[in-house]
Amino acid sequence: MNALKLNKHLLDVQSDLLRFAFRLTKNRDDASDLLQETSLKVLDNHDKFAEETNFKAWTYTLMRNIFINNYRKTVREQTFVDQTDNLYHLNIPQNSGFDSPEGAYTIAEITKAINSFSKEYRQPFAMHIAGFKYEAIAQEMNLPLGTVKSRIFFARKRLQQVLKDYR
């Protein structure tokens, strides 16, 4: 499938994909993120699409798989297995992670990494972390909504890259 035809098919199914993403995530911002990630995956993997198959079904499958992988990753990151001999970690308060020197060091490293971004990425990312919605950030910074989402997406990817040793 050539690039022009692929782009047309992708644009035709965007509204359906957004509804499907919202059904999966139950959150408009997360649905938009999932749609963006799926669109990137479709564009990156257009050579794997077989012409005789249903394009819409293929994109739905990609979106569902991305959602499942993200969900599993979130669950895996939140799972803690106490391997100490006396189960020490099970007996401490659950909210004590940031009071430890390791937690403070991690927060300091994350802050340092975020501050190393250029202002055009740091500001919308910091506002998003602070709880602002995409629309509010776009309005505050006087930028198009898509630009704000892209900058937050790329800042998030850059942060993951910078902090990959801490996973």
C-alpha atoms as a PDB file:
ATOM      1  CA  MET A   1       0.000   0.000   0.000  1.00  0.00           C
ATOM      2  CA  ASN A   2       1.466   3.352  -0.943  1.00  0.00           C
ATOM      3  CA  ALA A   3       1.869   6.170   1.580  1.00  0.00           C
ATOM      4  CA  LEU A   4      -0.928   8.334   0.171  1.00  0.00           C
ATOM      5  CA  LYS A   5      -3.450   5.489   0.305  1.00  0.00           C
ATOM      6  CA  LEU A   6      -2.316   4.533   3.819  1.00  0.00           C
ATOM      7  CA  ASN A   7      -2.714   8.115   5.071  1.00  0.00           C
ATOM      8  CA  LYS A   8      -6.205   8.316   3.582  1.00  0.00           C
ATOM      9  CA  HIS A   9      -7.267   5.044   5.217  1.00  0.00           C
ATOM     10  CA  LEU A  10      -5.761   6.140   8.533  1.00  0.00           C
ATOM     11  CA  LEU A  11      -7.552   9.488   8.438  1.00  0.00           C
ATOM     12  CA  ASP A  12     -10.830   7.755   7.567  1.00  0.00           C
ATOM     13  CA  VAL A  13     -10.733   5.559  10.689  1.00  0.00           C
ATOM     14  CA  GLN A  14      -9.454   8.183  13.181  1.00  0.00           C
ATOM     15  CA  SER A  15     -12.873   8.979  14.693  1.00  0.00           C
ATOM     16  CA  ASP A  16     -13.735   5.281  15.052  1.00  0.00           C
ATOM     17  CA  LEU A  17     -10.348   4.592  16.620  1.00  0.00           C
ATOM     18  CA  LEU A  18     -10.803   7.450  19.090  1.00  0.00           C
ATOM     19  CA  ARG A  19     -14.162   6.033  20.198  1.00  0.00           C
ATOM     20  CA  PHE A  20     -12.608   2.585  20.585  1.00  0.00           C
ATOM     21  CA  ALA A  21      -9.683   4.054  22.554  1.00  0.00           C
ATOM     22  CA  PHE A  22     -12.113   5.878  24.845  1.00  0.00           C
ATOM     23  CA  ARG A  23     -13.992   2.631  25.439  1.00  0.00           C
ATOM     24  CA  LEU A  24     -10.731   0.968  26.431  1.00  0.00           C
ATOM     25  CA  THR A  25      -9.283   3.727  28.627  1.00  0.00           C
ATOM     26  CA  LYS A  26     -12.396   5.475  29.970  1.00  0.00           C
ATOM     27  CA  ASN A  27     -10.408   8.740  29.891  1.00  0.00           C
ATOM     28  CA  ARG A  28     -10.346  11.251  27.045  1.00  0.00           C
ATOM     29  CA  ASP A  29      -6.669  12.228  27.471  1.00  0.00           C
ATOM     30  CA  ASP A  30      -5.527   8.617  27.713  1.00  0.00           C
ATOM     31  CA  ALA A  31      -7.660   7.796  24.679  1.00  0.00           C
ATOM     32  CA  SER A  32      -5.960  10.579  22.722  1.00  0.00           C
ATOM     33  CA  ASP A  33      -2.551   9.273  23.770  1.00  0.00           C
ATOM     34  CA  LEU A  34      -3.525   5.750  22.740  1.00  0.00           C
ATOM     35  CA  LEU A  35      -4.790   7.031  19.383  1.00  0.00           C
ATOM     36  CA  GLN A  36      -1.536   8.888  18.794  1.00  0.00           C
ATOM     37  CA  GLU A  37       0.561   5.862  19.725  1.00  0.00           C
ATOM     38  CA  THR A  38      -1.545   3.635  17.460  1.00  0.00           C
ATOM     39  CA  SER A  39      -1.262   6.064  14.560  1.00  0.00           C
ATOM     40  CA  LEU A  40       2.515   6.104  14.937  1.00  0.00           C
ATOM     41  CA  LYS A  41       2.569   2.315  15.039  1.00  0.00           C
ATOM     42  CA  VAL A  42       0.458   2.111  11.867  1.00  0.00           C
ATOM     43  CA  LEU A  43       2.760   4.526  10.063  1.00  0.00           C
ATOM     44  CA  ASP A  44       5.895   2.722  11.272  1.00  0.00           C
ATOM     45  CA  ASN A  45       4.573  -0.723  10.324  1.00  0.00           C
ATOM     46  CA  HIS A  46       2.746   0.049   7.073  1.00  0.00           C
ATOM     47  CA  ASP A  47       4.942  -2.476   5.264  1.00  0.00           C
ATOM     48  CA  LYS A  48       3.498  -5.279   7.441  1.00  0.00           C
ATOM     49  CA  PHE A  49      -0.055  -4.574   6.302  1.00  0.00           C
ATOM     50  CA  ALA A  50      -1.320  -7.092   3.755  1.00  0.00           C
ATOM     51  CA  GLU A  51      -3.363  -5.421   1.000  1.00  0.00           C
ATOM     52  CA  GLU A  52      -6.100  -8.046   0.981  1.00  0.00           C
ATOM     53  CA  THR A  53      -6.923  -7.653   4.699  1.00  0.00           C
ATOM     54  CA  ASN A  54      -9.283  -5.245   6.417  1.00  0.00           C
ATOM     55  CA  PHE A  55      -7.359  -2.044   7.290  1.00  0.00           C
ATOM     56  CA  LYS A  56      -9.809  -0.970   9.996  1.00  0.00           C
ATOM     57  CA  ALA A  57      -9.612  -4.359  11.719  1.00  0.00           C
ATOM     58  CA  TRP A  58      -5.814  -4.240  11.510  1.00  0.00           C
ATOM     59  CA  THR A  59      -5.691  -0.828  13.202  1.00  0.00           C
ATOM     60  CA  TYR A  60      -8.176  -1.913  15.882  1.00  0.00           C
ATOM     61  CA  THR A  61      -5.997  -4.951  16.596  1.00  0.00           C
ATOM     62  CA  LEU A  62      -2.899  -2.772  16.864  1.00  0.00           C
ATOM     63  CA  MET A  63      -4.681  -0.416  19.268  1.00  0.00           C
ATOM     64  CA  ARG A  64      -5.991  -3.248  21.414  1.00  0.00           C
ATOM     65  CA  ASN A  65      -2.536  -4.832  21.597  1.00  0.00           C
ATOM     66  CA  ILE A  66      -0.898  -1.520  22.520  1.00  0.00           C
ATOM     67  CA  PHE A  67      -3.506  -0.993  25.249  1.00  0.00           C
ATOM     68  CA  ILE A  68      -2.987  -4.511  26.630  1.00  0.00           C
ATOM     69  CA  ASN A  69       0.805  -4.139  26.590  1.00  0.00           C
ATOM     70  CA  ASN A  70       0.618  -0.773  28.356  1.00  0.00           C
ATOM     71  CA  TYR A  71      -1.775  -2.208  30.953  1.00  0.00           C
ATOM     72  CA  ARG A  72       0.479  -5.190  31.614  1.00  0.00           C
ATOM     73  CA  LYS A  73       3.491  -2.914  31.900  1.00  0.00           C
ATOM     74  CA  THR A  74       1.669  -0.740  34.431  1.00  0.00           C
ATOM     75  CA  VAL A  75       0.638  -3.752  36.493  1.00  0.00           C
ATOM     76  CA  ARG A  76       4.157  -5.189  36.322  1.00  0.00           C
ATOM     77  CA  GLU A  77       5.691  -1.891  37.479  1.00  0.00           C
ATOM     78  CA  GLN A  78       3.282  -1.683  40.413  1.00  0.00           C
ATOM     79  CA  THR A  79       3.888  -5.252  41.559  1.00  0.00           C
ATOM     80  CA  PHE A  80       6.340  -5.549  44.420  1.00  0.00           C
ATOM     81  CA  VAL A  81       7.739  -8.878  45.558  1.00  0.00           C
ATOM     82  CA  ASP A  82       9.319  -8.810  49.011  1.00  0.00           C
ATOM     83  CA  GLN A  83      12.367 -11.062  48.840  1.00  0.00           C
ATOM     84  CA  THR A  84      13.835 -10.188  52.223  1.00  0.00           C
ATOM     85  CA  ASP A  85      14.245 -12.996  54.745  1.00  0.00           C
ATOM     86  CA  ASN A  86      11.994 -11.464  57.381  1.00  0.00           C
ATOM     87  CA  LEU A  87       9.490  -9.853  54.963  1.00  0.00           C
ATOM     88  CA  TYR A  88      10.668  -6.424  56.161  1.00  0.00           C
ATOM     89  CA  HIS A  89       9.085  -4.504  53.289  1.00  0.00           C
ATOM     90  CA  LEU A  90       5.638  -5.979  53.920  1.00  0.00           C
ATOM     91  CA  ASN A  91       5.686  -4.617  57.465  1.00  0.00           C
ATOM     92  CA  ILE A  92       6.523  -0.979  56.659  1.00  0.00           C
ATOM     93  CA  PRO A  93       3.883   1.613  55.754  1.00  0.00           C
ATOM     94  CA  GLN A  94       3.017   1.555  52.061  1.00  0.00           C
ATOM     95  CA  ASN A  95       3.451   5.295  51.543  1.00  0.00           C
ATOM     96  CA  SER A  96       7.028   5.431  52.824  1.00  0.00           C
ATOM     97  CA  GLY A  97       8.791   5.140  49.436  1.00  0.00           C
ATOM     98  CA  PHE A  98       9.639   8.825  49.071  1.00  0.00           C
ATOM     99  CA  ASP A  99      10.968   9.174  52.607  1.00  0.00           C
ATOM    100  CA  SER A 100      13.881   6.864  51.903  1.00  0.00           C
ATOM    101  CA  PRO A 101      17.208   8.153  50.544  1.00  0.00           C
ATOM    102  CA  GLU A 102      16.687   5.986  47.445  1.00  0.00           C
ATOM    103  CA  GLY A 103      13.317   7.623  46.775  1.00  0.00           C
ATOM    104  CA  ALA A 104      14.697  11.132  47.217  1.00  0.00           C
ATOM    105  CA  TYR A 105      17.611  10.334  44.932  1.00  0.00           C
ATOM    106  CA  THR A 106      15.263   9.057  42.252  1.00  0.00           C
ATOM    107  CA  ILE A 107      13.070  12.164  42.494  1.00  0.00           C
ATOM    108  CA  ALA A 108      16.180  14.351  42.268  1.00  0.00           C
ATOM    109  CA  GLU A 109      17.353  12.487  39.169  1.00  0.00           C
ATOM    110  CA  ILE A 110      13.943  12.786  37.531  1.00  0.00           C
ATOM    111  CA  THR A 111      13.817  16.509  38.291  1.00  0.00           C
ATOM    112  CA  LYS A 112      17.330  16.975  36.915  1.00  0.00           C
ATOM    113  CA  ALA A 113      16.380  15.114  33.721  1.00  0.00           C
ATOM    114  CA  ILE A 114      13.218  17.182  33.241  1.00  0.00           C
ATOM    115  CA  ASN A 115      15.126  20.422  33.833  1.00  0.00           C
ATOM    116  CA  SER A 116      17.601  19.437  31.116  1.00  0.00           C
ATOM    117  CA  PHE A 117      14.829  19.642  28.475  1.00  0.00           C
ATOM    118  CA  SER A 118      14.464  22.781  26.393  1.00  0.00           C
ATOM    119  CA  LYS A 119      11.746  25.163  27.608  1.00  0.00           C
ATOM    120  CA  GLU A 120       9.392  24.253  24.748  1.00  0.00           C
ATOM    121  CA  TYR A 121       9.226  20.649  26.042  1.00  0.00           C
ATOM    122  CA  ARG A 122       9.820  21.223  29.770  1.00  0.00           C
ATOM    123  CA  GLN A 123       6.947  23.654  30.333  1.00  0.00           C
ATOM    124  CA  PRO A 124       4.070  21.619  28.846  1.00  0.00           C
ATOM    125  CA  PHE A 125       5.454  18.415  30.382  1.00  0.00           C
ATOM    126  CA  ALA A 126       5.714  20.017  33.845  1.00  0.00           C
ATOM    127  CA  MET A 127       2.168  21.365  33.531  1.00  0.00           C
ATOM    128  CA  HIS A 128       0.908  17.914  32.492  1.00  0.00           C
ATOM    129  CA  ILE A 129       2.627  16.298  35.471  1.00  0.00           C
ATOM    130  CA  ALA A 130       1.089  18.948  37.723  1.00  0.00           C
ATOM    131  CA  GLY A 131      -2.357  17.766  36.593  1.00  0.00           C
ATOM    132  CA  PHE A 132      -3.281  20.214  33.850  1.00  0.00           C
ATOM    133  CA  LYS A 133      -5.323  18.808  30.985  1.00  0.00           C
ATOM    134  CA  TYR A 134      -4.056  19.097  27.425  1.00  0.00           C
ATOM    135  CA  GLU A 135      -6.621  21.757  26.535  1.00  0.00           C
ATOM    136  CA  ALA A 136      -5.663  23.931  29.521  1.00  0.00           C
ATOM    137  CA  ILE A 137      -1.973  23.673  28.644  1.00  0.00           C
ATOM    138  CA  ALA A 138      -2.672  24.600  25.022  1.00  0.00           C
ATOM    139  CA  GLN A 139      -4.726  27.582  26.091  1.00  0.00           C
ATOM    140  CA  GLU A 140      -2.155  28.745  28.664  1.00  0.00           C
ATOM    141  CA  MET A 141       0.772  28.436  26.242  1.00  0.00           C
ATOM    142  CA  ASN A 142      -1.236  29.716  23.255  1.00  0.00           C
ATOM    143  CA  LEU A 143      -0.330  26.639  21.183  1.00  0.00           C
ATOM    144  CA  PRO A 144      -2.380  24.204  19.093  1.00  0.00           C
ATOM    145  CA  LEU A 145      -3.611  21.161  21.010  1.00  0.00           C
ATOM    146  CA  GLY A 146      -1.711  18.749  18.746  1.00  0.00           C
ATOM    147  CA  THR A 147       1.560  20.579  19.381  1.00  0.00           C
ATOM    148  CA  VAL A 148       1.080  20.315  23.136  1.00  0.00           C
ATOM    149  CA  LYS A 149       0.304  16.602  22.927  1.00  0.00           C
ATOM    150  CA  SER A 150       3.328  15.977  20.711  1.00  0.00           C
ATOM    151  CA  ARG A 151       5.671  17.883  23.006  1.00  0.00           C
ATOM    152  CA  ILE A 152       4.438  15.980  26.053  1.00  0.00           C
ATOM    153  CA  PHE A 153       4.735  12.691  24.180  1.00  0.00           C
ATOM    154  CA  PHE A 154       8.310  13.420  23.076  1.00  0.00           C
ATOM    155  CA  ALA A 155       9.267  14.696  26.543  1.00  0.00           C
ATOM    156  CA  ARG A 156       7.913  11.488  28.062  1.00  0.00           C
ATOM    157  CA  LYS A 157       9.896   9.372  25.585  1.00  0.00           C
ATOM    158  CA  ARG A 158      13.040  11.449  26.241  1.00  0.00           C
ATOM    159  CA  LEU A 159      12.594  11.032  30.003  1.00  0.00           C
ATOM    160  CA  GLN A 160      12.292   7.273  29.587  1.00  0.00           C
ATOM    161  CA  GLN A 161      15.454   7.276  27.526  1.00  0.00           C
ATOM    162  CA  VAL A 162      17.411   9.383  30.031  1.00  0.00           C
ATOM    163  CA  LEU A 163      16.261   7.306  33.007  1.00  0.00           C
ATOM    164  CA  LYS A 164      16.437   3.853  31.395  1.00  0.00           C
ATOM    165  CA  ASP A 165      19.080   2.734  33.907  1.00  0.00           C
ATOM    166  CA  TYR A 166      16.622   3.245  36.791  1.00  0.00           C
ATOM    167  CA  ARG A 167      14.019   0.736  35.589  1.00  0.00           C
END
